[in-house]
All heavy atoms as atom14 arrays in JSON, in Angstrom:
{
  "sequence": "VDLQRFDQKFNQLQGQTTTRILTSGADLSGSGLRILHNNETQAQL",
  "atom14_mask": [
    [1, 1, 1, 1, 1, 1, 1, 0, 0, 0, 0, 0, 0, 0],
    [1, 1, 1, 1, 1, 1, 1, 1, 0, 0, 0, 0, 0, 0],
    [1, 1, 1, 1, 1, 1, 1, 1, 0, 0, 0, 0, 0, 0],
    [1, 1, 1, 1, 1, 1, 1, 1, 1, 0, 0, 0, 0, 0],
    [1, 1, 1, 1, 1, 1, 1, 1, 1, 1, 1, 0, 0, 0],
    [1, 1, 1, 1, 1, 1, 1, 1, 1, 1, 1, 0, 0, 0],
    [1, 1, 1, 1, 1, 1, 1, 1, 0, 0, 0, 0, 0, 0],
    [1, 1, 1, 1, 1, 1, 1, 1, 1, 0, 0, 0, 0, 0],
    [1, 1, 1, 1, 1, 1, 1, 1, 1, 0, 0, 0, 0, 0],
    [1, 1, 1, 1, 1, 1, 1, 1, 1, 1, 1, 0, 0, 0],
    [1, 1, 1, 1, 1, 1, 1, 1, 0, 0, 0, 0, 0, 0],
    [1, 1, 1, 1, 1, 1, 1, 1, 1, 0, 0, 0, 0, 0],
    [1, 1, 1, 1, 1, 1, 1, 1, 0, 0, 0, 0, 0, 0],
    [1, 1, 1, 1, 1, 1, 1, 1, 1, 0, 0, 0, 0, 0],
    [1, 1, 1, 1, 0, 0, 0, 0, 0, 0, 0, 0, 0, 0],
    [1, 1, 1, 1, 1, 1, 1, 1, 1, 0, 0, 0, 0, 0],
    [1, 1, 1, 1, 1, 1, 1, 0, 0, 0, 0, 0, 0, 0],
    [1, 1, 1, 1, 1, 1, 1, 0, 0, 0, 0, 0, 0, 0],
    [1, 1, 1, 1, 1, 1, 1, 0, 0, 0, 0, 0, 0, 0],
    [1, 1, 1, 1, 1, 1, 1, 1, 1, 1, 1, 0, 0, 0],
    [1, 1, 1, 1, 1, 1, 1, 1, 0, 0, 0, 0, 0, 0],
    [1, 1, 1, 1, 1, 1, 1, 1, 0, 0, 0, 0, 0, 0],
    [1, 1, 1, 1, 1, 1, 1, 0, 0, 0, 0, 0, 0, 0],
    [1, 1, 1, 1, 1, 1, 0, 0, 0, 0, 0, 0, 0, 0],
    [1, 1, 1, 1, 0, 0, 0, 0, 0, 0, 0, 0, 0, 0],
    [1, 1, 1, 1, 1, 0, 0, 0, 0, 0, 0, 0, 0, 0],
    [1, 1, 1, 1, 1, 1, 1, 1, 0, 0, 0, 0, 0, 0],
    [1, 1, 1, 1, 1, 1, 1, 1, 0, 0, 0, 0, 0, 0],
    [1, 1, 1, 1, 1, 1, 0, 0, 0, 0, 0, 0, 0, 0],
    [1, 1, 1, 1, 0, 0, 0, 0, 0, 0, 0, 0, 0, 0],
    [1, 1, 1, 1, 1, 1, 0, 0, 0, 0, 0, 0, 0, 0],
    [1, 1, 1, 1, 0, 0, 0, 0, 0, 0, 0, 0, 0, 0],
    [1, 1, 1, 1, 1, 1, 1, 1, 0, 0, 0, 0, 0, 0],
    [1, 1, 1, 1, 1, 1, 1, 1, 1, 1, 1, 0, 0, 0],
    [1, 1, 1, 1, 1, 1, 1, 1, 0, 0, 0, 0, 0, 0],
    [1, 1, 1, 1, 1, 1, 1, 1, 0, 0, 0, 0, 0, 0],
    [1, 1, 1, 1, 1, 1, 1, 1, 1, 1, 0, 0, 0, 0],
    [1, 1, 1, 1, 1, 1, 1, 1, 0, 0, 0, 0, 0, 0],
    [1, 1, 1, 1, 1, 1, 1, 1, 0, 0, 0, 0, 0, 0],
    [1, 1, 1, 1, 1, 1, 1, 1, 1, 0, 0, 0, 0, 0],
    [1, 1, 1, 1, 1, 1, 1, 0, 0, 0, 0, 0, 0, 0],
    [1, 1, 1, 1, 1, 1, 1, 1, 1, 0, 0, 0, 0, 0],
    [1, 1, 1, 1, 1, 0, 0, 0, 0, 0, 0, 0, 0, 0],
    [1, 1, 1, 1, 1, 1, 1, 1, 1, 0, 0, 0, 0, 0],
    [1, 1, 1, 1, 1, 1, 1, 1, 0, 0, 0, 0, 0, 0]
  ],
  "atom14_positions": [
    [[12.54, -5.78, 16.05], [12.75, -6.41, 14.81], [11.39, -6.38, 13.97], [11.4, -6.06, 12.81], [13.12, -7.88, 15.06], [13.09, -8.81, 13.82], [14.59, -7.9, 15.59], [0.0, 0.0, 0.0], [0.0, 0.0, 0.0], [0.0, 0.0, 0.0], [0.0, 0.0, 0.0], [0.0, 0.0, 0.0], [0.0, 0.0, 0.0], [0.0, 0.0, 0.0]],
    [[10.25, -6.57, 14.66], [9.01, -6.58, 14.01], [8.69, -5.17, 13.47], [8.14, -5.1, 12.28], [7.8, -6.9, 14.96], [7.89, -8.44, 15.39], [8.58, -9.21, 14.79], [7.33, -8.76, 16.37], [0.0, 0.0, 0.0], [0.0, 0.0, 0.0], [0.0, 0.0, 0.0], [0.0, 0.0, 0.0], [0.0, 0.0, 0.0], [0.0, 0.0, 0.0]],
    [[9.04, -4.21, 14.16], [8.81, -2.78, 13.62], [9.79, -2.5, 12.42], [9.28, -1.82, 11.49], [9.05, -1.74, 14.73], [7.96, -1.64, 15.71], [8.33, -0.79, 16.91], [6.59, -1.19, 15.17], [0.0, 0.0, 0.0], [0.0, 0.0, 0.0], [0.0, 0.0, 0.0], [0.0, 0.0, 0.0], [0.0, 0.0, 0.0], [0.0, 0.0, 0.0]],
    [[10.97, -3.04, 12.49], [11.85, -2.84, 11.32], [11.28, -3.53, 10.06], [11.32, -2.94, 8.96], [13.3, -3.27, 11.71], [13.97, -2.36, 12.58], [15.31, -2.95, 13.17], [15.66, -4.07, 12.78], [16.05, -2.21, 13.86], [0.0, 0.0, 0.0], [0.0, 0.0, 0.0], [0.0, 0.0, 0.0], [0.0, 0.0, 0.0], [0.0, 0.0, 0.0]],
    [[10.91, -4.7, 10.27], [10.33, -5.52, 9.1], [9.12, -4.81, 8.58], [8.86, -4.8, 7.43], [10.01, -6.89, 9.64], [11.13, -7.86, 9.68], [10.71, -9.26, 9.89], [11.95, -10.11, 10.27], [11.94, -11.1, 11.2], [10.87, -11.46, 11.63], [12.97, -11.76, 11.22], [0.0, 0.0, 0.0], [0.0, 0.0, 0.0], [0.0, 0.0, 0.0]],
    [[8.27, -4.39, 9.49], [7.07, -3.66, 9.09], [7.37, -2.48, 8.27], [6.77, -2.2, 7.23], [6.19, -3.38, 10.34], [5.01, -2.51, 9.9], [3.78, -3.11, 9.38], [4.95, -1.1, 10.04], [2.79, -2.31, 8.97], [3.89, -0.37, 9.73], [2.78, -0.99, 9.17], [0.0, 0.0, 0.0], [0.0, 0.0, 0.0], [0.0, 0.0, 0.0]],
    [[8.25, -1.64, 8.79], [8.67, -0.47, 8.11], [9.3, -0.73, 6.7], [9.0, -0.03, 5.76], [9.74, 0.32, 8.95], [9.03, 1.15, 10.05], [7.84, 1.37, 10.01], [9.75, 1.45, 11.04], [0.0, 0.0, 0.0], [0.0, 0.0, 0.0], [0.0, 0.0, 0.0], [0.0, 0.0, 0.0], [0.0, 0.0, 0.0], [0.0, 0.0, 0.0]],
    [[10.06, -1.81, 6.53], [10.5, -2.23, 5.24], [9.4, -2.53, 4.31], [9.4, -2.06, 3.13], [11.41, -3.56, 5.42], [12.9, -3.27, 5.67], [13.66, -4.58, 5.68], [13.12, -5.56, 6.09], [14.94, -4.46, 5.21], [0.0, 0.0, 0.0], [0.0, 0.0, 0.0], [0.0, 0.0, 0.0], [0.0, 0.0, 0.0], [0.0, 0.0, 0.0]],
    [[8.47, -3.44, 4.77], [7.35, -3.73, 3.85], [6.53, -2.48, 3.58], [6.0, -2.45, 2.49], [6.54, -4.85, 4.68], [7.2, -6.2, 4.69], [6.4, -7.25, 5.45], [7.12, -8.58, 5.44], [6.25, -9.62, 6.08], [0.0, 0.0, 0.0], [0.0, 0.0, 0.0], [0.0, 0.0, 0.0], [0.0, 0.0, 0.0], [0.0, 0.0, 0.0]],
    [[6.27, -1.7, 4.65], [5.52, -0.52, 4.25], [6.1, 0.33, 3.31], [5.53, 0.87, 2.43], [5.24, 0.3, 5.59], [4.56, 1.65, 5.39], [3.26, 1.61, 4.95], [5.29, 2.76, 5.45], [2.6, 2.74, 4.74], [4.61, 3.96, 5.17], [3.25, 3.96, 4.79], [0.0, 0.0, 0.0], [0.0, 0.0, 0.0], [0.0, 0.0, 0.0]],
    [[7.47, 0.6, 3.38], [8.3, 1.39, 2.4], [8.21, 0.73, 0.95], [7.97, 1.5, 0.09], [9.66, 1.58, 2.82], [9.75, 2.47, 4.06], [8.92, 3.38, 4.3], [10.85, 2.35, 4.82], [0.0, 0.0, 0.0], [0.0, 0.0, 0.0], [0.0, 0.0, 0.0], [0.0, 0.0, 0.0], [0.0, 0.0, 0.0], [0.0, 0.0, 0.0]],
    [[8.18, -0.59, 0.96], [7.97, -1.27, -0.31], [6.61, -0.99, -0.93], [6.37, -0.69, -2.08], [8.24, -2.76, -0.21], [9.66, -3.19, -0.03], [9.77, -4.65, 0.09], [8.78, -5.34, 0.43], [11.01, -5.13, 0.08], [0.0, 0.0, 0.0], [0.0, 0.0, 0.0], [0.0, 0.0, 0.0], [0.0, 0.0, 0.0], [0.0, 0.0, 0.0]],
    [[5.57, -1.0, -0.06], [4.23, -0.77, -0.48], [4.07, 0.63, -0.93], [3.42, 0.88, -1.95], [3.21, -1.1, 0.77], [1.8, -0.58, 0.5], [1.06, -1.6, -0.56], [1.05, -0.64, 1.7], [0.0, 0.0, 0.0], [0.0, 0.0, 0.0], [0.0, 0.0, 0.0], [0.0, 0.0, 0.0], [0.0, 0.0, 0.0], [0.0, 0.0, 0.0]],
    [[4.63, 1.59, -0.13], [4.48, 2.93, -0.56], [5.13, 3.26, -1.96], [4.67, 4.03, -2.82], [5.01, 3.89, 0.52], [4.24, 4.11, 1.67], [2.91, 4.9, 1.46], [1.94, 4.22, 0.92], [2.77, 6.1, 1.87], [0.0, 0.0, 0.0], [0.0, 0.0, 0.0], [0.0, 0.0, 0.0], [0.0, 0.0, 0.0], [0.0, 0.0, 0.0]],
    [[6.35, 2.47, -2.1], [7.02, 2.78, -3.4], [6.24, 2.1, -4.53], [6.17, 2.69, -5.61], [0.0, 0.0, 0.0], [0.0, 0.0, 0.0], [0.0, 0.0, 0.0], [0.0, 0.0, 0.0], [0.0, 0.0, 0.0], [0.0, 0.0, 0.0], [0.0, 0.0, 0.0], [0.0, 0.0, 0.0], [0.0, 0.0, 0.0], [0.0, 0.0, 0.0]],
    [[5.63, 0.92, -4.34], [4.78, 0.29, -5.38], [3.58, 1.17, -5.65], [3.14, 1.33, -6.84], [4.36, -1.07, -4.89], [5.43, -2.14, -4.88], [5.12, -3.45, -4.12], [3.93, -3.52, -3.59], [5.9, -4.42, -4.2], [0.0, 0.0, 0.0], [0.0, 0.0, 0.0], [0.0, 0.0, 0.0], [0.0, 0.0, 0.0], [0.0, 0.0, 0.0]],
    [[2.94, 1.73, -4.61], [1.84, 2.55, -4.81], [2.12, 3.8, -5.6], [1.5, 4.18, -6.49], [1.19, 2.9, -3.43], [0.96, 1.8, -2.7], [-0.07, 3.82, -3.56], [0.0, 0.0, 0.0], [0.0, 0.0, 0.0], [0.0, 0.0, 0.0], [0.0, 0.0, 0.0], [0.0, 0.0, 0.0], [0.0, 0.0, 0.0], [0.0, 0.0, 0.0]],
    [[3.15, 4.33, -5.2], [3.77, 5.61, -5.92], [3.94, 5.25, -7.37], [3.51, 6.03, -8.35], [4.95, 6.16, -5.33], [4.71, 6.5, -3.99], [5.51, 7.49, -6.04], [0.0, 0.0, 0.0], [0.0, 0.0, 0.0], [0.0, 0.0, 0.0], [0.0, 0.0, 0.0], [0.0, 0.0, 0.0], [0.0, 0.0, 0.0], [0.0, 0.0, 0.0]],
    [[4.64, 4.21, -7.65], [4.9, 3.69, -9.0], [3.66, 3.49, -9.83], [3.47, 3.88, -10.95], [5.75, 2.43, -9.04], [6.99, 2.66, -8.25], [6.12, 1.94, -10.46], [0.0, 0.0, 0.0], [0.0, 0.0, 0.0], [0.0, 0.0, 0.0], [0.0, 0.0, 0.0], [0.0, 0.0, 0.0], [0.0, 0.0, 0.0], [0.0, 0.0, 0.0]],
    [[2.65, 2.85, -9.14], [1.29, 2.53, -9.94], [0.59, 3.9, -10.13], [0.0, 4.01, -11.34], [0.53, 1.69, -9.01], [0.99, 0.2, -9.02], [0.07, -0.73, -8.21], [0.61, -2.03, -8.32], [0.56, -2.92, -7.31], [-0.03, -2.53, -6.16], [1.12, -4.0, -7.44], [0.0, 0.0, 0.0], [0.0, 0.0, 0.0], [0.0, 0.0, 0.0]],
    [[0.66, 4.77, -9.22], [0.06, 6.12, -9.54], [0.7, 6.75, -10.75], [-0.03, 7.25, -11.57], [0.0, 6.97, -8.23], [-0.88, 6.36, -7.14], [-0.46, 8.37, -8.6], [-0.66, 7.09, -5.74], [0.0, 0.0, 0.0], [0.0, 0.0, 0.0], [0.0, 0.0, 0.0], [0.0, 0.0, 0.0], [0.0, 0.0, 0.0], [0.0, 0.0, 0.0]],
    [[2.04, 6.82, -10.71], [2.63, 7.52, -11.65], [2.55, 6.87, -13.06], [2.4, 7.52, -14.06], [4.08, 7.75, -11.37], [4.4, 8.71, -10.23], [5.84, 8.69, -9.73], [3.91, 10.02, -10.53], [0.0, 0.0, 0.0], [0.0, 0.0, 0.0], [0.0, 0.0, 0.0], [0.0, 0.0, 0.0], [0.0, 0.0, 0.0], [0.0, 0.0, 0.0]],
    [[2.59, 5.44, -13.05], [2.48, 4.83, -14.32], [1.08, 4.84, -14.98], [0.87, 4.52, -16.07], [2.92, 3.26, -14.24], [2.13, 2.65, -13.21], [4.43, 3.2, -13.95], [0.0, 0.0, 0.0], [0.0, 0.0, 0.0], [0.0, 0.0, 0.0], [0.0, 0.0, 0.0], [0.0, 0.0, 0.0], [0.0, 0.0, 0.0], [0.0, 0.0, 0.0]],
    [[0.03, 5.06, -14.08], [-1.31, 5.27, -14.51], [-1.54, 6.58, -15.27], [-2.51, 6.75, -15.97], [-2.32, 5.13, -13.42], [-2.29, 6.26, -12.58], [0.0, 0.0, 0.0], [0.0, 0.0, 0.0], [0.0, 0.0, 0.0], [0.0, 0.0, 0.0], [0.0, 0.0, 0.0], [0.0, 0.0, 0.0], [0.0, 0.0, 0.0], [0.0, 0.0, 0.0]],
    [[-0.51, 7.32, -15.27], [-0.63, 8.66, -15.92], [-1.02, 9.81, -14.98], [-1.06, 10.97, -15.44], [0.0, 0.0, 0.0], [0.0, 0.0, 0.0], [0.0, 0.0, 0.0], [0.0, 0.0, 0.0], [0.0, 0.0, 0.0], [0.0, 0.0, 0.0], [0.0, 0.0, 0.0], [0.0, 0.0, 0.0], [0.0, 0.0, 0.0], [0.0, 0.0, 0.0]],
    [[-1.38, 9.5, -13.86], [-1.78, 10.55, -12.79], [-0.5, 11.1, -12.19], [0.58, 10.54, -12.19], [-2.71, 9.91, -11.78], [0.0, 0.0, 0.0], [0.0, 0.0, 0.0], [0.0, 0.0, 0.0], [0.0, 0.0, 0.0], [0.0, 0.0, 0.0], [0.0, 0.0, 0.0], [0.0, 0.0, 0.0], [0.0, 0.0, 0.0], [0.0, 0.0, 0.0]],
    [[-0.69, 12.26, -11.63], [0.43, 12.8, -10.88], [0.15, 12.61, -9.44], [-0.84, 12.23, -8.98], [0.65, 14.28, -11.19], [-0.61, 15.17, -11.02], [-1.58, 14.65, -10.54], [-0.46, 16.41, -11.24], [0.0, 0.0, 0.0], [0.0, 0.0, 0.0], [0.0, 0.0, 0.0], [0.0, 0.0, 0.0], [0.0, 0.0, 0.0], [0.0, 0.0, 0.0]],
    [[1.16, 13.0, -8.6], [1.09, 12.76, -7.22], [0.34, 13.95, -6.59], [0.87, 14.75, -5.71], [2.46, 12.66, -6.48], [3.03, 11.23, -6.72], [4.42, 11.14, -6.06], [2.16, 10.17, -6.12], [0.0, 0.0, 0.0], [0.0, 0.0, 0.0], [0.0, 0.0, 0.0], [0.0, 0.0, 0.0], [0.0, 0.0, 0.0], [0.0, 0.0, 0.0]],
    [[-0.86, 14.1, -6.79], [-1.67, 15.21, -6.25], [-3.12, 14.58, -6.11], [-3.37, 13.47, -6.61], [-1.79, 16.41, -7.08], [-2.36, 16.12, -8.27], [0.0, 0.0, 0.0], [0.0, 0.0, 0.0], [0.0, 0.0, 0.0], [0.0, 0.0, 0.0], [0.0, 0.0, 0.0], [0.0, 0.0, 0.0], [0.0, 0.0, 0.0], [0.0, 0.0, 0.0]],
    [[-3.9, 15.09, -5.31], [-5.29, 14.8, -5.11], [-5.43, 13.4, -4.61], [-5.01, 13.03, -3.51], [0.0, 0.0, 0.0], [0.0, 0.0, 0.0], [0.0, 0.0, 0.0], [0.0, 0.0, 0.0], [0.0, 0.0, 0.0], [0.0, 0.0, 0.0], [0.0, 0.0, 0.0], [0.0, 0.0, 0.0], [0.0, 0.0, 0.0], [0.0, 0.0, 0.0]],
    [[-6.1, 12.48, -5.37], [-6.4, 11.1, -4.85], [-5.09, 10.38, -4.65], [-5.05, 9.59, -3.55], [-7.11, 10.42, -6.03], [-8.46, 11.0, -6.19], [0.0, 0.0, 0.0], [0.0, 0.0, 0.0], [0.0, 0.0, 0.0], [0.0, 0.0, 0.0], [0.0, 0.0, 0.0], [0.0, 0.0, 0.0], [0.0, 0.0, 0.0], [0.0, 0.0, 0.0]],
    [[-4.0, 10.55, -5.49], [-2.81, 9.84, -5.22], [-2.12, 10.19, -3.86], [-1.76, 9.38, -3.15], [0.0, 0.0, 0.0], [0.0, 0.0, 0.0], [0.0, 0.0, 0.0], [0.0, 0.0, 0.0], [0.0, 0.0, 0.0], [0.0, 0.0, 0.0], [0.0, 0.0, 0.0], [0.0, 0.0, 0.0], [0.0, 0.0, 0.0], [0.0, 0.0, 0.0]],
    [[-2.19, 11.47, -3.6], [-1.67, 11.88, -2.23], [-2.48, 11.33, -1.11], [-1.96, 11.05, -0.12], [-1.46, 13.4, -2.12], [-0.34, 14.06, -2.91], [-0.3, 15.49, -2.78], [1.02, 13.45, -2.41], [0.0, 0.0, 0.0], [0.0, 0.0, 0.0], [0.0, 0.0, 0.0], [0.0, 0.0, 0.0], [0.0, 0.0, 0.0], [0.0, 0.0, 0.0]],
    [[-3.78, 11.45, -1.33], [-4.74, 10.9, -0.24], [-4.5, 9.43, 0.01], [-4.45, 8.99, 1.17], [-6.15, 11.17, -0.58], [-6.53, 12.61, -0.33], [-8.14, 12.78, -0.46], [-8.69, 12.49, -1.74], [-8.76, 13.41, -2.8], [-8.36, 14.58, -2.56], [-9.28, 12.98, -3.88], [0.0, 0.0, 0.0], [0.0, 0.0, 0.0], [0.0, 0.0, 0.0]],
    [[-4.17, 8.66, -0.94], [-3.88, 7.18, -0.8], [-2.57, 7.04, 0.02], [-2.57, 6.3, 0.94], [-3.81, 6.56, -2.27], [-5.19, 6.43, -2.83], [-3.22, 5.12, -2.15], [-5.18, 6.02, -4.24], [0.0, 0.0, 0.0], [0.0, 0.0, 0.0], [0.0, 0.0, 0.0], [0.0, 0.0, 0.0], [0.0, 0.0, 0.0], [0.0, 0.0, 0.0]],
    [[-1.54, 7.74, -0.46], [-0.26, 7.69, 0.23], [-0.43, 8.1, 1.65], [0.02, 7.57, 2.58], [0.75, 8.48, -0.57], [1.24, 7.96, -1.78], [2.16, 8.92, -2.43], [1.84, 6.53, -1.73], [0.0, 0.0, 0.0], [0.0, 0.0, 0.0], [0.0, 0.0, 0.0], [0.0, 0.0, 0.0], [0.0, 0.0, 0.0], [0.0, 0.0, 0.0]],
    [[-1.15, 9.17, 1.87], [-1.43, 9.76, 3.17], [-2.22, 8.72, 4.05], [-1.86, 8.48, 5.27], [-2.12, 11.11, 3.19], [-2.38, 11.63, 4.58], [-1.54, 12.07, 5.52], [-3.53, 11.67, 5.24], [-2.0, 12.45, 6.57], [-3.2, 12.29, 6.53], [0.0, 0.0, 0.0], [0.0, 0.0, 0.0], [0.0, 0.0, 0.0], [0.0, 0.0, 0.0]],
    [[-3.19, 8.13, 3.42], [-4.09, 7.1, 4.17], [-3.16, 5.94, 4.6], [-3.27, 5.4, 5.7], [-5.23, 6.66, 3.39], [-6.06, 5.73, 4.01], [-6.48, 6.0, 5.25], [-6.5, 4.67, 3.45], [0.0, 0.0, 0.0], [0.0, 0.0, 0.0], [0.0, 0.0, 0.0], [0.0, 0.0, 0.0], [0.0, 0.0, 0.0], [0.0, 0.0, 0.0]],
    [[-2.28, 5.46, 3.61], [-1.42, 4.42, 3.95], [-0.53, 4.72, 5.13], [-0.26, 3.9, 6.04], [-0.61, 4.04, 2.75], [-1.29, 3.37, 1.57], [-2.45, 2.95, 1.78], [-0.65, 3.25, 0.45], [0.0, 0.0, 0.0], [0.0, 0.0, 0.0], [0.0, 0.0, 0.0], [0.0, 0.0, 0.0], [0.0, 0.0, 0.0], [0.0, 0.0, 0.0]],
    [[0.01, 6.03, 5.13], [0.96, 6.39, 6.32], [0.15, 6.3, 7.57], [0.65, 5.9, 8.61], [1.45, 7.7, 5.93], [2.48, 8.31, 7.03], [3.71, 7.32, 7.03], [4.24, 7.1, 5.95], [4.19, 7.12, 8.11], [0.0, 0.0, 0.0], [0.0, 0.0, 0.0], [0.0, 0.0, 0.0], [0.0, 0.0, 0.0], [0.0, 0.0, 0.0]],
    [[-1.18, 6.89, 7.53], [-1.94, 6.88, 8.71], [-2.13, 5.43, 9.23], [-2.01, 5.24, 10.47], [-3.29, 7.57, 8.48], [-3.07, 8.84, 7.98], [-4.11, 7.62, 9.76], [0.0, 0.0, 0.0], [0.0, 0.0, 0.0], [0.0, 0.0, 0.0], [0.0, 0.0, 0.0], [0.0, 0.0, 0.0], [0.0, 0.0, 0.0], [0.0, 0.0, 0.0]],
    [[-2.54, 4.52, 8.34], [-2.73, 3.1, 8.73], [-1.54, 2.44, 9.21], [-1.42, 1.76, 10.16], [-3.31, 2.38, 7.63], [-4.7, 2.74, 7.09], [-5.76, 2.63, 8.24], [-5.7, 1.63, 8.89], [-6.51, 3.68, 8.49], [0.0, 0.0, 0.0], [0.0, 0.0, 0.0], [0.0, 0.0, 0.0], [0.0, 0.0, 0.0], [0.0, 0.0, 0.0]],
    [[-0.35, 2.86, 8.69], [0.93, 2.26, 9.11], [1.2, 2.72, 10.53], [1.76, 1.95, 11.36], [2.06, 2.77, 8.07], [0.0, 0.0, 0.0], [0.0, 0.0, 0.0], [0.0, 0.0, 0.0], [0.0, 0.0, 0.0], [0.0, 0.0, 0.0], [0.0, 0.0, 0.0], [0.0, 0.0, 0.0], [0.0, 0.0, 0.0], [0.0, 0.0, 0.0]],
    [[0.96, 4.0, 10.75], [1.25, 4.48, 12.2], [0.31, 3.82, 13.14], [0.79, 3.48, 14.28], [1.16, 6.06, 12.24], [1.59, 6.52, 13.53], [2.99, 6.22, 13.89], [3.85, 6.43, 13.11], [3.14, 5.8, 15.12], [0.0, 0.0, 0.0], [0.0, 0.0, 0.0], [0.0, 0.0, 0.0], [0.0, 0.0, 0.0], [0.0, 0.0, 0.0]],
    [[-0.88, 3.57, 12.78], [-1.79, 2.85, 13.71], [-1.32, 1.38, 13.94], [-1.3, 0.87, 15.04], [-3.19, 2.71, 13.09], [-4.04, 4.0, 13.22], [-5.36, 3.86, 12.31], [-4.4, 4.5, 14.55], [0.0, 0.0, 0.0], [0.0, 0.0, 0.0], [0.0, 0.0, 0.0], [0.0, 0.0, 0.0], [0.0, 0.0, 0.0], [0.0, 0.0, 0.0]]
  ]
}
């Protein structure tokens, strides 16, 4: 249950992060991708 809740919250965070990156005018490359990748690494930890 804890892992399912964590994954839900993480997916929300990744969605919000993606939205913020795209609404800032940047595209999903470079720093934006590194941020998403770093989030995924931290989530797996």
